[in-house]
Amino acid sequence: MKKALNWFCVIGAVSVIMSAFSASAGAEARSTEARLTEAPGLSPAIPSWAVPADTGLFGLAARLRKPVHSRRMRIAQQSETMPSTRRERHDRRGGGSSVGVNIGVGILLDLARERRRSNDAGRGSAEKTGKTKGKKKNTVRRPRRRTKRVAALPTFRRREIVILIDQSAPETLKDELAQTLGLRRLDGFLSPLLGGWVQTYRVLGNQTTAAVLAALSSNPLVAGATRNNYHRVSGKKSKRSKYSEQYALTKMGIPSAHELATGREVLIAVIDAGVDEGHPVLKNVIEAKFNAVGDKTYKAHSHGTAIAGIIGGHGRIQGVAPDAKLLAVRAFYTSKSRPIPETTTYILVRALDWAFANGAKIFNLSFTGPRDSLVEKALNYAFLQGTILVAAAGNDGAKAAPAYPAAYEAVIAITATNKADRLYRKANRGDYLTVSAPGVDVLVAAPRKRYNYSSGTSFAAAHVSGLIALLLEHNPEISATDIRDLLMSTAKDLGAKGHDRKFGAGRVDAYASLLKLVDINSGGSASAVPLPTAAKRGEGLVHETAETAR
């Protein structure tokens, strides 16, 4: 449309200019005719309109466009037959201006035809080279949409490392490491869970982080060292669900399970972004809270509040374990440039350490990150002390790499399904999956007394954490391995028969799990589904070397 308007403007301007020149040419023709008439021995045998035909603007038009010139000659011949009075009136009105318009339009049309011929020639050569193979000749080409490129989030803090120093090491070792390796000492704390000092350093000078980690691996007093990795929560807001508000409870058999257990006296650590303990569904649910981030204010977030409501909510959102108590551990933070809650290795280990020290029986880990040797070490120690670890499988899609901490051997990995038992389309796949649970279009609590619908494996993991609280109420002494076996053996098989890469052993059934636990307590056996091998679920503890840290 814009091009067409531009063409019309050009044509109009040229027409006006040519009209002016044509009127001038008409006047010149009349004066020439008069001179020829007055000269002795001459007669006006040459038509007045044809006198300047080979000179000036008319000559240029004739050379560029012969049809216009021919038409002008015909008009000139007709004008000779006009009565003189009528011809004079015609000339005074600027009758020659129509010729100027014709000339201007003709020139533009010739240029347009020439451009069209060159375009056709270009298309013809493209067809010969096969560039337009399979395309229609007259199709309108629409401009491609430019997709906005989103910069990838960093996986670790540049030039920062976290070191676990053996508790038996002298206090001076922290400063000695800084001096000998060219480091600046940052924050640190004594970890009862890991049995040593967790210390952060910044790498100075031109040396690489990988070289520093390699040097630390040979020190017998250093129990572990890694980059200060980033870990992030994930989940997506949904539109209003087409399902019933809390279809997940019915799907898992929670109403029947509540006749046997409600999670009474079970302590669950929600290691996440901040929880809004003032929300109506969380009244009298939060036992204690801790800000592992270290800033001055404990900030509530929608993700942490949603997880807490799924596990222990009351009222509009009925929790899976309504009588359980929660530890609200704020380990994730946001910023203006990074609205997705994230944390670092150092903060996360500090949060795990506090939750373990305060007696949490279940860790709900609804986040993902890279493989991290210190986080894995902390989780393994907690597992060996009887803590049940539940983690989200990840929301990065079918082709994504295994997500941690879910892929650690000690962790129960949960993926998400919808009301129809179909897999959440963004869920990770892999042999590390244990079971699945509802996690699509789930009604959740949000800060400031609000509610949302959300989807993701984070919310599926919260449902399973609540289910495990029901099992622990019925039998507080049951081990983490037995709970895993129980969940897998009573799950509804989905997808390929048996354990598979999409659903694990299937979708959990709380009522069936409790009934089986009652049978076990009466002398039965769990008869577990075979677990994934260690090779598939990842190897055990590893020391990060320069090669793995690069």
Protein backbone atom coordinates (compact mmCIF):
# COMPACT_ATOMS: atom_id res chain seq x y z
CA MET A 1 0.00 0.00 0.00
CA LYS A 2 2.82 2.36 0.87
CA LYS A 3 4.59 1.63 -2.45
CA ALA A 4 1.38 2.30 -4.41
CA LEU A 5 0.93 5.68 -2.72
CA ASN A 6 4.53 6.60 -3.53
CA TRP A 7 3.97 5.73 -7.21
CA PHE A 8 0.79 7.84 -7.38
CA CYS A 9 2.62 10.79 -5.88
CA VAL A 10 5.44 10.50 -8.43
CA ILE A 11 2.98 10.19 -11.35
CA GLY A 12 1.01 13.22 -10.18
CA ALA A 13 4.13 15.37 -9.81
CA VAL A 14 5.50 14.38 -13.20
CA SER A 15 2.11 15.03 -14.82
CA VAL A 16 1.95 18.59 -13.46
CA ILE A 17 5.49 19.34 -14.61
CA MET A 18 4.87 17.91 -18.06
CA SER A 19 1.63 19.87 -18.36
CA ALA A 20 3.49 23.10 -17.73
CA PHE A 21 6.14 22.26 -20.29
CA SER A 22 3.46 21.24 -22.81
CA ALA A 23 1.60 24.52 -22.43
CA SER A 24 4.88 26.34 -23.03
CA ALA A 25 5.53 24.19 -26.08
CA GLY A 26 2.06 25.04 -27.45
CA ALA A 27 2.79 28.73 -27.17
CA GLU A 28 6.13 28.21 -28.93
CA ALA A 29 4.35 26.38 -31.74
CA ARG A 30 1.90 29.25 -32.29
CA SER A 31 4.66 31.86 -32.44
CA THR A 32 6.60 29.76 -34.93
CA GLU A 33 3.50 29.41 -37.11
CA ALA A 34 3.02 33.15 -37.05
CA ARG A 35 6.61 33.80 -38.13
CA LEU A 36 6.34 31.33 -40.98
CA THR A 37 3.09 32.91 -42.16
CA GLU A 38 4.50 36.44 -42.14
CA ALA A 39 7.69 35.46 -44.03
CA PRO A 40 7.44 36.16 -47.77
CA GLY A 41 7.09 33.14 -50.06
CA LEU A 42 6.26 30.73 -47.25
CA SER A 43 2.96 29.16 -46.27
CA PRO A 44 1.99 27.32 -43.10
CA ALA A 45 2.22 23.92 -44.75
CA ILE A 46 3.81 22.42 -41.61
CA PRO A 47 1.22 21.79 -38.87
CA SER A 48 1.73 24.09 -35.90
CA TRP A 49 1.70 21.16 -33.41
CA ALA A 50 4.52 19.41 -35.26
CA VAL A 51 7.07 22.22 -35.45
CA PRO A 52 9.02 21.46 -32.22
CA ALA A 53 8.62 17.69 -32.56
CA ASP A 54 12.34 16.99 -32.96
CA THR A 55 13.60 19.44 -30.33
CA GLY A 56 13.21 20.11 -26.63
CA LEU A 57 11.03 18.04 -24.34
CA PHE A 58 8.82 16.72 -27.16
CA GLY A 59 11.87 15.38 -28.97
CA LEU A 60 13.00 13.57 -25.82
CA ALA A 61 9.54 12.04 -25.38
CA ALA A 62 9.47 10.97 -29.01
CA ARG A 63 12.81 9.23 -28.70
CA LEU A 64 11.86 7.49 -25.44
CA ARG A 65 8.33 6.48 -26.37
CA LYS A 66 7.28 6.39 -30.02
CA PRO A 67 3.57 5.58 -29.40
CA VAL A 68 3.13 8.89 -27.56
CA HIS A 69 4.85 10.79 -30.38
CA SER A 70 2.62 9.13 -32.99
CA ARG A 71 -0.46 10.00 -31.01
CA ARG A 72 0.73 13.60 -30.73
CA MET A 73 1.07 13.77 -34.51
CA ARG A 74 -2.47 12.50 -34.99
CA ILE A 75 -3.78 15.14 -32.59
CA ALA A 76 -1.81 17.79 -34.49
CA GLN A 77 -3.34 16.73 -37.80
CA GLN A 78 -6.82 16.85 -36.28
CA SER A 79 -6.15 20.32 -34.93
CA GLU A 80 -5.48 21.60 -38.46
CA THR A 81 -9.06 20.78 -39.36
CA MET A 82 -10.41 22.71 -36.36
CA PRO A 83 -11.87 26.12 -36.95
CA SER A 84 -9.28 28.78 -36.10
CA THR A 85 -11.41 30.32 -33.36
CA ARG A 86 -11.97 26.98 -31.68
CA ARG A 87 -8.26 26.07 -31.97
CA GLU A 88 -7.24 29.37 -30.37
CA ARG A 89 -9.64 28.79 -27.46
CA HIS A 90 -8.23 25.25 -27.14
CA ASP A 91 -4.67 26.55 -27.01
CA ARG A 92 -5.51 29.33 -24.52
CA ARG A 93 -7.03 26.78 -22.16
CA GLY A 94 -3.75 24.84 -22.29
CA GLY A 95 -4.98 22.09 -24.53
CA GLY A 96 -1.39 20.91 -24.99
CA SER A 97 -1.28 19.90 -21.33
CA SER A 98 -2.97 16.58 -22.09
CA VAL A 99 0.01 15.68 -24.23
CA GLY A 100 2.32 16.41 -21.29
CA VAL A 101 0.29 14.14 -19.06
CA ASN A 102 0.44 11.39 -21.66
CA ILE A 103 4.20 11.79 -22.02
CA GLY A 104 4.81 11.70 -18.22
CA VAL A 105 2.62 8.66 -17.67
CA GLY A 106 4.14 6.95 -20.68
CA ILE A 107 7.67 7.40 -19.39
CA LEU A 108 6.72 5.96 -16.00
CA LEU A 109 4.92 3.02 -17.59
CA ASP A 110 7.98 2.28 -19.72
CA LEU A 111 10.17 2.29 -16.61
CA ALA A 112 7.73 -0.03 -14.80
CA ARG A 113 7.68 -2.45 -17.75
CA GLU A 114 11.47 -2.43 -17.90
CA ARG A 115 11.69 -3.22 -14.18
CA ARG A 116 9.15 -6.02 -14.54
CA ARG A 117 11.16 -7.52 -17.41
CA SER A 118 14.34 -7.45 -15.31
CA ASN A 119 12.52 -9.10 -12.38
CA ASP A 120 11.12 -11.80 -14.67
CA ALA A 121 14.60 -12.41 -16.01
CA GLY A 122 15.92 -12.75 -12.45
CA ARG A 123 13.20 -15.23 -11.54
CA GLY A 124 13.92 -17.19 -14.67
CA SER A 125 17.59 -17.52 -13.77
CA ALA A 126 16.65 -18.56 -10.23
CA GLU A 127 14.39 -21.29 -11.58
CA LYS A 128 17.22 -22.55 -13.76
CA THR A 129 19.49 -22.86 -10.75
CA GLY A 130 16.75 -24.61 -8.75
CA LYS A 131 16.38 -21.92 -6.08
CA THR A 132 12.60 -21.65 -6.44
CA LYS A 133 11.92 -25.32 -6.93
CA GLY A 134 8.46 -26.28 -5.74
CA LYS A 135 7.29 -22.67 -5.26
CA LYS A 136 4.30 -21.11 -6.99
CA LYS A 137 5.10 -18.25 -9.40
CA ASN A 138 2.47 -15.81 -8.14
CA THR A 139 2.76 -16.44 -4.40
CA VAL A 140 3.07 -13.36 -2.20
CA ARG A 141 6.19 -13.45 -0.10
CA ARG A 142 5.57 -12.38 3.45
CA PRO A 143 8.43 -11.00 5.50
CA ARG A 144 9.81 -13.45 8.01
CA ARG A 145 9.09 -12.77 11.65
CA ARG A 146 12.17 -12.02 13.61
CA THR A 147 12.26 -14.28 16.64
CA LYS A 148 13.50 -12.58 19.75
CA ARG A 149 16.65 -14.27 20.94
CA VAL A 150 16.78 -14.84 24.67
CA ALA A 151 20.26 -14.97 26.13
CA ALA A 152 21.03 -18.25 27.87
CA LEU A 153 21.23 -17.98 31.64
CA PRO A 154 24.68 -18.64 33.13
CA THR A 155 25.23 -22.03 34.76
CA PHE A 156 27.69 -20.79 37.41
CA ARG A 157 29.13 -17.65 38.96
CA ARG A 158 32.23 -16.64 37.08
CA ARG A 159 35.50 -17.17 38.93
CA GLU A 160 33.82 -18.33 42.15
CA ILE A 161 34.45 -21.70 43.78
CA VAL A 162 33.08 -23.50 46.86
CA ILE A 163 35.41 -25.66 48.96
CA LEU A 164 34.61 -28.20 51.67
CA ILE A 165 37.47 -28.20 54.18
CA ASP A 166 37.80 -31.11 56.58
CA GLN A 167 36.79 -30.20 60.12
CA SER A 168 40.12 -31.52 61.43
CA ALA A 169 42.08 -29.00 59.33
CA PRO A 170 43.71 -26.06 61.15
CA GLU A 171 41.86 -22.75 61.07
CA THR A 172 44.79 -21.18 59.24
CA LEU A 173 44.25 -23.43 56.19
CA LYS A 174 41.52 -21.15 54.82
CA ASP A 175 43.93 -18.21 54.54
CA GLU A 176 46.82 -20.40 53.38
CA LEU A 177 44.75 -21.65 50.43
CA ALA A 178 43.94 -18.07 49.48
CA GLN A 179 47.61 -17.03 49.55
CA THR A 180 49.11 -20.03 47.77
CA LEU A 181 46.45 -20.34 45.03
CA GLY A 182 45.76 -16.66 44.42
CA LEU A 183 42.23 -16.54 45.85
CA ARG A 184 40.14 -14.02 47.76
CA ARG A 185 38.27 -15.45 50.73
CA LEU A 186 34.51 -14.74 50.77
CA ASP A 187 31.75 -16.34 52.93
CA GLY A 188 31.84 -19.58 54.90
CA PHE A 189 30.08 -21.64 57.58
CA LEU A 190 30.55 -24.85 59.55
CA SER A 191 28.26 -27.60 58.19
CA PRO A 192 27.18 -30.36 60.60
CA LEU A 193 25.65 -32.22 57.66
CA LEU A 194 28.93 -32.32 55.69
CA GLY A 195 31.21 -32.42 58.73
CA GLY A 196 33.44 -29.54 57.67
CA TRP A 197 33.82 -25.91 56.68
CA VAL A 198 32.04 -24.74 53.53
CA GLN A 199 34.01 -21.78 52.19
CA THR A 200 33.66 -19.65 49.05
CA TYR A 201 36.56 -18.00 47.21
CA ARG A 202 37.05 -15.75 44.19
CA VAL A 203 39.75 -16.73 41.70
CA LEU A 204 42.17 -13.83 41.07
CA GLY A 205 44.66 -13.05 38.34
CA ASN A 206 45.02 -14.79 34.99
CA GLN A 207 44.71 -18.35 36.28
CA THR A 208 41.69 -20.41 35.27
CA THR A 209 39.07 -21.78 37.63
CA ALA A 210 39.71 -25.28 36.28
CA ALA A 211 43.40 -25.04 37.18
CA VAL A 212 42.57 -24.00 40.76
CA LEU A 213 40.09 -26.89 41.16
CA ALA A 214 42.73 -29.32 39.88
CA ALA A 215 45.23 -28.05 42.45
CA LEU A 216 42.67 -28.37 45.27
CA SER A 217 41.84 -31.98 44.35
CA SER A 218 45.33 -33.07 45.42
CA ASN A 219 45.06 -31.52 48.90
CA PRO A 220 44.13 -34.21 51.49
CA LEU A 221 42.47 -31.65 53.77
CA VAL A 222 40.06 -30.52 51.02
CA ALA A 223 37.05 -32.89 51.02
CA GLY A 224 35.46 -31.36 47.92
CA ALA A 225 35.56 -28.39 45.58
CA THR A 226 33.33 -27.14 42.77
CA ARG A 227 32.27 -24.05 40.90
CA ASN A 228 29.57 -21.96 42.56
CA ASN A 229 26.82 -23.36 40.29
CA TYR A 230 23.37 -21.90 39.68
CA HIS A 231 20.19 -23.91 40.39
CA ARG A 232 16.72 -22.65 39.38
CA VAL A 233 13.07 -23.39 40.05
CA SER A 234 10.74 -23.81 37.10
CA GLY A 235 7.02 -23.94 36.44
CA LYS A 236 4.46 -22.27 34.22
CA LYS A 237 1.27 -20.39 34.97
CA SER A 238 -1.75 -21.95 33.27
CA LYS A 239 -5.01 -20.46 32.13
CA ARG A 240 -8.05 -21.40 34.15
CA SER A 241 -8.16 -25.18 34.23
CA LYS A 242 -10.75 -27.12 32.30
CA TYR A 243 -10.52 -29.69 35.07
CA SER A 244 -12.10 -29.60 38.50
CA GLU A 245 -10.17 -27.36 40.88
CA GLN A 246 -8.37 -30.17 42.69
CA TYR A 247 -8.60 -33.14 40.35
CA ALA A 248 -5.17 -34.30 41.58
CA LEU A 249 -6.51 -35.41 44.97
CA THR A 250 -9.15 -37.64 43.41
CA LYS A 251 -6.68 -38.93 40.83
CA MET A 252 -4.26 -40.02 43.55
CA GLY A 253 -6.93 -41.50 45.81
CA ILE A 254 -6.29 -38.93 48.55
CA PRO A 255 -9.86 -38.77 49.99
CA SER A 256 -9.72 -42.50 50.76
CA ALA A 257 -6.12 -42.26 51.96
CA HIS A 258 -7.07 -39.54 54.46
CA GLU A 259 -9.20 -42.09 56.25
CA LEU A 260 -5.94 -43.85 57.13
CA ALA A 261 -3.46 -40.96 57.55
CA THR A 262 -3.16 -37.16 57.21
CA GLY A 263 0.59 -36.64 57.74
CA ARG A 264 0.34 -35.82 61.43
CA GLU A 265 3.65 -34.91 63.14
CA VAL A 266 5.69 -35.29 59.93
CA LEU A 267 8.13 -32.43 59.27
CA ILE A 268 8.75 -31.49 55.62
CA ALA A 269 11.35 -28.97 54.41
CA VAL A 270 10.22 -26.88 51.44
CA ILE A 271 13.59 -25.76 50.05
CA ASP A 272 12.45 -23.20 47.53
CA ALA A 273 11.72 -19.51 47.07
CA GLY A 274 10.01 -17.81 50.01
CA VAL A 275 6.63 -19.01 51.31
CA ASP A 276 3.79 -16.61 52.17
CA GLU A 277 2.89 -17.98 55.60
CA GLY A 278 0.06 -15.42 55.88
CA HIS A 279 -1.95 -17.04 53.09
CA PRO A 280 -5.31 -18.42 54.36
CA VAL A 281 -4.56 -21.98 53.17
CA LEU A 282 -1.27 -22.01 55.15
CA LYS A 283 -2.62 -20.91 58.51
CA ASN A 284 -0.79 -22.78 61.32
CA VAL A 285 1.11 -24.91 58.77
CA ILE A 286 4.59 -23.32 58.90
CA GLU A 287 6.59 -24.66 61.83
CA ALA A 288 9.65 -22.46 61.21
CA LYS A 289 11.32 -20.54 58.42
CA PHE A 290 14.91 -19.74 57.46
CA ASN A 291 16.42 -17.27 55.01
CA ALA A 292 19.47 -19.05 53.57
CA VAL A 293 19.95 -16.28 50.98
CA GLY A 294 21.33 -14.02 53.69
CA ASP A 295 19.61 -10.75 52.75
CA LYS A 296 17.66 -8.70 55.28
CA THR A 297 14.09 -9.61 54.31
CA TYR A 298 12.35 -12.94 53.87
CA LYS A 299 10.52 -12.40 50.54
CA ALA A 300 7.56 -14.62 49.63
CA HIS A 301 7.30 -15.96 46.08
CA SER A 302 4.55 -17.67 44.09
CA HIS A 303 6.59 -20.86 43.52
CA GLY A 304 7.42 -21.55 47.15
CA THR A 305 3.89 -20.62 48.26
CA ALA A 306 2.40 -22.99 45.67
CA ILE A 307 4.55 -25.93 46.81
CA ALA A 308 3.67 -25.36 50.47
CA GLY A 309 -0.07 -25.18 49.69
CA ILE A 310 -0.05 -28.45 47.71
CA ILE A 311 1.65 -30.29 50.57
CA GLY A 312 -0.12 -28.93 53.64
CA GLY A 313 -2.90 -26.54 52.63
CA HIS A 314 -6.33 -26.10 54.24
CA GLY A 315 -9.56 -24.55 53.00
CA ARG A 316 -9.92 -23.86 49.30
CA ILE A 317 -6.72 -25.81 48.62
CA GLN A 318 -6.75 -29.07 50.52
CA GLY A 319 -3.21 -30.33 51.00
CA VAL A 320 -2.15 -33.92 50.42
CA ALA A 321 -0.87 -33.99 54.02
CA PRO A 322 -2.99 -31.34 55.81
CA ASP A 323 -1.69 -32.23 59.28
CA ALA A 324 2.00 -32.15 58.36
CA LYS A 325 4.28 -29.31 59.48
CA LEU A 326 6.51 -27.39 57.10
CA LEU A 327 9.92 -25.76 57.32
CA ALA A 328 9.87 -22.83 54.88
CA VAL A 329 13.51 -22.56 53.75
CA ARG A 330 14.12 -19.62 51.43
CA ALA A 331 17.09 -20.66 49.30
CA PHE A 332 16.12 -18.97 46.01
CA TYR A 333 16.05 -15.28 45.14
CA THR A 334 15.10 -13.07 42.19
CA SER A 335 16.37 -9.82 40.70
CA LYS A 336 15.10 -7.29 38.15
CA SER A 337 17.27 -8.79 35.42
CA ARG A 338 16.50 -12.40 36.42
CA PRO A 339 12.87 -12.90 37.45
CA ILE A 340 13.23 -16.71 37.63
CA PRO A 341 14.19 -17.70 41.20
CA GLU A 342 17.75 -19.00 41.37
CA THR A 343 20.35 -19.98 43.94
CA THR A 344 23.99 -21.00 44.12
CA THR A 345 25.82 -24.07 45.39
CA TYR A 346 26.88 -22.26 48.55
CA ILE A 347 23.38 -21.01 49.46
CA LEU A 348 21.78 -24.36 48.61
CA VAL A 349 24.18 -26.35 50.79
CA ARG A 350 23.51 -23.90 53.61
CA ALA A 351 19.74 -24.43 53.20
CA LEU A 352 20.08 -28.24 53.15
CA ASP A 353 22.27 -28.10 56.23
CA TRP A 354 19.71 -26.01 58.17
CA ALA A 355 16.79 -28.24 57.16
CA PHE A 356 18.68 -31.36 58.24
CA ALA A 357 19.78 -29.80 61.54
CA ASN A 358 16.15 -28.85 62.32
CA GLY A 359 14.81 -32.37 61.91
CA ALA A 360 13.11 -32.40 58.49
CA LYS A 361 12.17 -35.95 57.51
CA ILE A 362 11.38 -35.07 53.87
CA PHE A 363 13.20 -32.62 51.59
CA ASN A 364 11.01 -31.28 48.77
CA LEU A 365 13.43 -30.23 46.01
CA SER A 366 11.33 -28.63 43.26
CA PHE A 367 14.24 -27.17 41.28
CA THR A 368 16.88 -28.22 38.76
CA GLY A 369 20.50 -27.47 38.00
CA PRO A 370 23.78 -29.00 36.82
CA ARG A 371 25.47 -31.93 38.49
CA ASP A 372 27.13 -30.50 41.59
CA SER A 373 29.53 -32.57 43.69
CA LEU A 374 28.93 -30.68 46.97
CA VAL A 375 25.13 -30.70 46.65
CA GLU A 376 25.25 -34.41 45.83
CA LYS A 377 27.49 -35.06 48.82
CA ALA A 378 25.10 -33.19 51.15
CA LEU A 379 22.06 -35.08 49.82
CA ASN A 380 23.81 -38.43 50.11
CA TYR A 381 24.71 -37.75 53.74
CA ALA A 382 21.09 -36.76 54.48
CA PHE A 383 19.84 -39.91 52.73
CA LEU A 384 22.14 -42.11 54.80
CA GLN A 385 20.65 -40.53 57.93
CA GLY A 386 17.10 -41.49 56.85
CA THR A 387 15.94 -38.32 55.06
CA ILE A 388 13.61 -38.92 52.09
CA LEU A 389 14.57 -36.78 49.09
CA VAL A 390 11.89 -35.87 46.51
CA ALA A 391 12.79 -33.81 43.42
CA ALA A 392 11.22 -32.49 40.22
CA ALA A 393 12.31 -34.29 37.04
CA GLY A 394 12.61 -31.04 35.06
CA ASN A 395 10.61 -29.09 32.48
CA ASP A 396 13.12 -28.87 29.61
CA GLY A 397 11.48 -31.31 27.19
CA ALA A 398 12.00 -34.74 25.69
CA LYS A 399 15.56 -34.16 24.47
CA ALA A 400 16.90 -32.53 27.63
CA ALA A 401 19.77 -33.99 29.61
CA PRO A 402 19.05 -35.50 33.05
CA ALA A 403 18.13 -32.82 35.58
CA TYR A 404 19.71 -32.65 39.03
CA PRO A 405 19.10 -33.23 41.90
CA ALA A 406 16.39 -35.59 40.54
CA ALA A 407 18.98 -37.71 38.69
CA TYR A 408 21.08 -38.41 41.81
CA GLU A 409 20.81 -42.01 42.95
CA ALA A 410 19.52 -41.16 46.43
CA VAL A 411 16.63 -39.02 45.13
CA ILE A 412 13.05 -39.97 44.16
CA ALA A 413 12.50 -38.29 40.76
CA ILE A 414 8.96 -37.17 39.90
CA THR A 415 7.51 -36.27 36.50
CA ALA A 416 4.12 -34.66 35.78
CA THR A 417 0.85 -35.89 34.23
CA ASN A 418 -2.58 -34.34 33.63
CA LYS A 419 -6.08 -35.46 34.55
CA ALA A 420 -6.14 -37.89 31.61
CA ASP A 421 -2.83 -39.46 32.76
CA ARG A 422 -1.02 -37.96 29.79
CA LEU A 423 2.54 -36.76 30.21
CA TYR A 424 3.23 -33.05 30.66
CA ARG A 425 4.54 -32.02 27.26
CA LYS A 426 7.54 -30.10 28.66
CA ALA A 427 8.63 -32.82 31.09
CA ASN A 428 12.09 -34.35 30.87
CA ARG A 429 12.45 -38.00 29.89
CA GLY A 430 14.99 -40.47 31.19
CA ASP A 431 15.78 -43.69 33.03
CA TYR A 432 16.24 -41.72 36.25
CA LEU A 433 12.47 -41.12 36.64
CA THR A 434 10.87 -42.94 39.57
CA VAL A 435 7.12 -42.25 39.32
CA SER A 436 4.71 -39.63 37.99
CA ALA A 437 2.04 -37.52 39.70
CA PRO A 438 -0.50 -34.83 38.73
CA GLY A 439 1.23 -31.58 37.84
CA VAL A 440 -0.70 -29.99 34.95
CA ASP A 441 -3.22 -27.15 35.45
CA VAL A 442 -3.05 -27.48 39.22
CA LEU A 443 -4.80 -24.93 41.46
CA VAL A 444 -2.14 -23.42 43.74
CA ALA A 445 -1.84 -20.69 46.36
CA ALA A 446 -0.05 -17.44 45.49
CA PRO A 447 1.19 -14.55 47.67
CA ARG A 448 -1.24 -11.88 48.92
CA LYS A 449 -4.16 -14.30 49.29
CA ARG A 450 -4.33 -15.09 45.59
CA TYR A 451 -4.62 -18.33 43.62
CA ASN A 452 -3.18 -19.48 40.30
CA TYR A 453 -3.28 -22.45 37.98
CA SER A 454 0.19 -23.82 37.30
CA SER A 455 1.90 -26.66 35.47
CA GLY A 456 5.26 -28.37 35.92
CA THR A 457 7.11 -31.25 37.52
CA SER A 458 7.69 -29.05 40.60
CA PHE A 459 4.03 -29.40 41.56
CA ALA A 460 4.02 -33.12 40.84
CA ALA A 461 6.95 -33.49 43.27
CA ALA A 462 4.99 -31.61 45.95
CA HIS A 463 2.09 -34.07 45.62
CA VAL A 464 4.48 -36.98 46.19
CA SER A 465 6.13 -35.29 49.19
CA GLY A 466 2.69 -35.03 50.78
CA LEU A 467 1.93 -38.67 49.96
CA ILE A 468 5.17 -39.80 51.62
CA ALA A 469 4.15 -37.86 54.75
CA LEU A 470 1.03 -40.07 54.92
CA LEU A 471 3.22 -43.17 54.76
CA LEU A 472 5.58 -41.85 57.44
CA GLU A 473 2.69 -41.13 59.79
CA HIS A 474 1.62 -44.75 59.47
CA ASN A 475 5.16 -46.07 59.88
CA PRO A 476 7.80 -43.49 61.00
CA GLU A 477 10.58 -46.09 60.82
CA ILE A 478 10.19 -47.00 57.15
CA SER A 479 13.36 -46.34 55.12
CA ALA A 480 13.73 -44.17 52.06
CA THR A 481 14.47 -47.25 49.93
CA ASP A 482 11.31 -49.01 51.13
CA ILE A 483 9.23 -45.93 50.38
CA ARG A 484 10.60 -45.80 46.86
CA ASP A 485 9.78 -49.48 46.38
CA LEU A 486 6.29 -48.96 47.76
CA LEU A 487 5.53 -46.04 45.45
CA MET A 488 6.74 -47.91 42.38
CA SER A 489 5.01 -51.20 43.13
CA THR A 490 1.59 -49.57 43.69
CA ALA A 491 1.72 -47.02 40.85
CA LYS A 492 -0.66 -47.26 37.91
CA ASP A 493 1.43 -48.32 34.93
CA LEU A 494 1.32 -45.79 32.07
CA GLY A 495 2.96 -45.83 28.66
CA ALA A 496 5.20 -48.81 27.89
CA LYS A 497 4.76 -51.80 30.17
CA GLY A 498 6.85 -51.58 33.31
CA HIS A 499 9.34 -48.84 34.11
CA ASP A 500 9.85 -46.47 31.15
CA ARG A 501 11.57 -43.21 30.28
CA LYS A 502 8.37 -41.14 30.21
CA PHE A 503 6.37 -42.09 33.31
CA GLY A 504 8.84 -44.05 35.43
CA ALA A 505 6.87 -46.86 37.09
CA GLY A 506 3.59 -44.98 36.54
CA ARG A 507 1.26 -42.54 38.30
CA VAL A 508 1.25 -42.80 42.10
CA ASP A 509 -1.77 -44.11 44.03
CA ALA A 510 -1.82 -42.92 47.64
CA TYR A 511 -4.58 -45.22 48.83
CA ALA A 512 -2.99 -48.29 47.25
CA SER A 513 0.37 -47.38 48.82
CA LEU A 514 -1.15 -47.05 52.29
CA LEU A 515 -3.02 -50.34 51.98
CA LYS A 516 0.18 -52.07 50.94
CA LEU A 517 2.05 -50.49 53.87
CA VAL A 518 -0.60 -51.81 56.26
CA ASP A 519 -0.07 -55.25 54.74
CA ILE A 520 3.71 -54.94 55.14
CA ASN A 521 3.32 -53.92 58.78
CA SER A 522 1.20 -57.02 59.23
CA GLY A 523 3.98 -59.25 57.90
CA GLY A 524 3.72 -58.88 54.11
CA SER A 525 6.44 -57.70 51.71
CA ALA A 526 6.78 -54.74 49.41
CA SER A 527 7.45 -56.84 46.27
CA ALA A 528 8.95 -53.82 44.59
CA VAL A 529 9.22 -53.14 40.92
CA PRO A 530 12.91 -53.52 39.89
CA LEU A 531 14.70 -50.21 40.36
CA PRO A 532 16.69 -48.53 37.61
CA THR A 533 20.34 -49.58 37.70
CA ALA A 534 22.96 -47.28 39.17
CA ALA A 535 24.49 -46.85 35.72
CA LYS A 536 21.19 -45.49 34.43
CA ARG A 537 20.51 -43.28 37.44
CA GLY A 538 24.07 -41.92 37.57
CA GLU A 539 27.07 -42.94 39.59
CA GLY A 540 27.53 -42.14 43.25
CA LEU A 541 29.73 -39.49 44.79
CA VAL A 542 32.41 -38.04 42.56
CA HIS A 543 35.15 -35.49 43.16
CA GLU A 544 34.99 -32.79 40.55
CA THR A 545 38.24 -32.69 38.61
CA ALA A 546 39.62 -30.08 36.28
CA GLU A 547 38.16 -32.04 33.37
CA THR A 548 34.60 -32.22 34.75
CA ALA A 549 34.71 -28.62 35.96
CA ARG A 550 35.77 -27.15 32.63
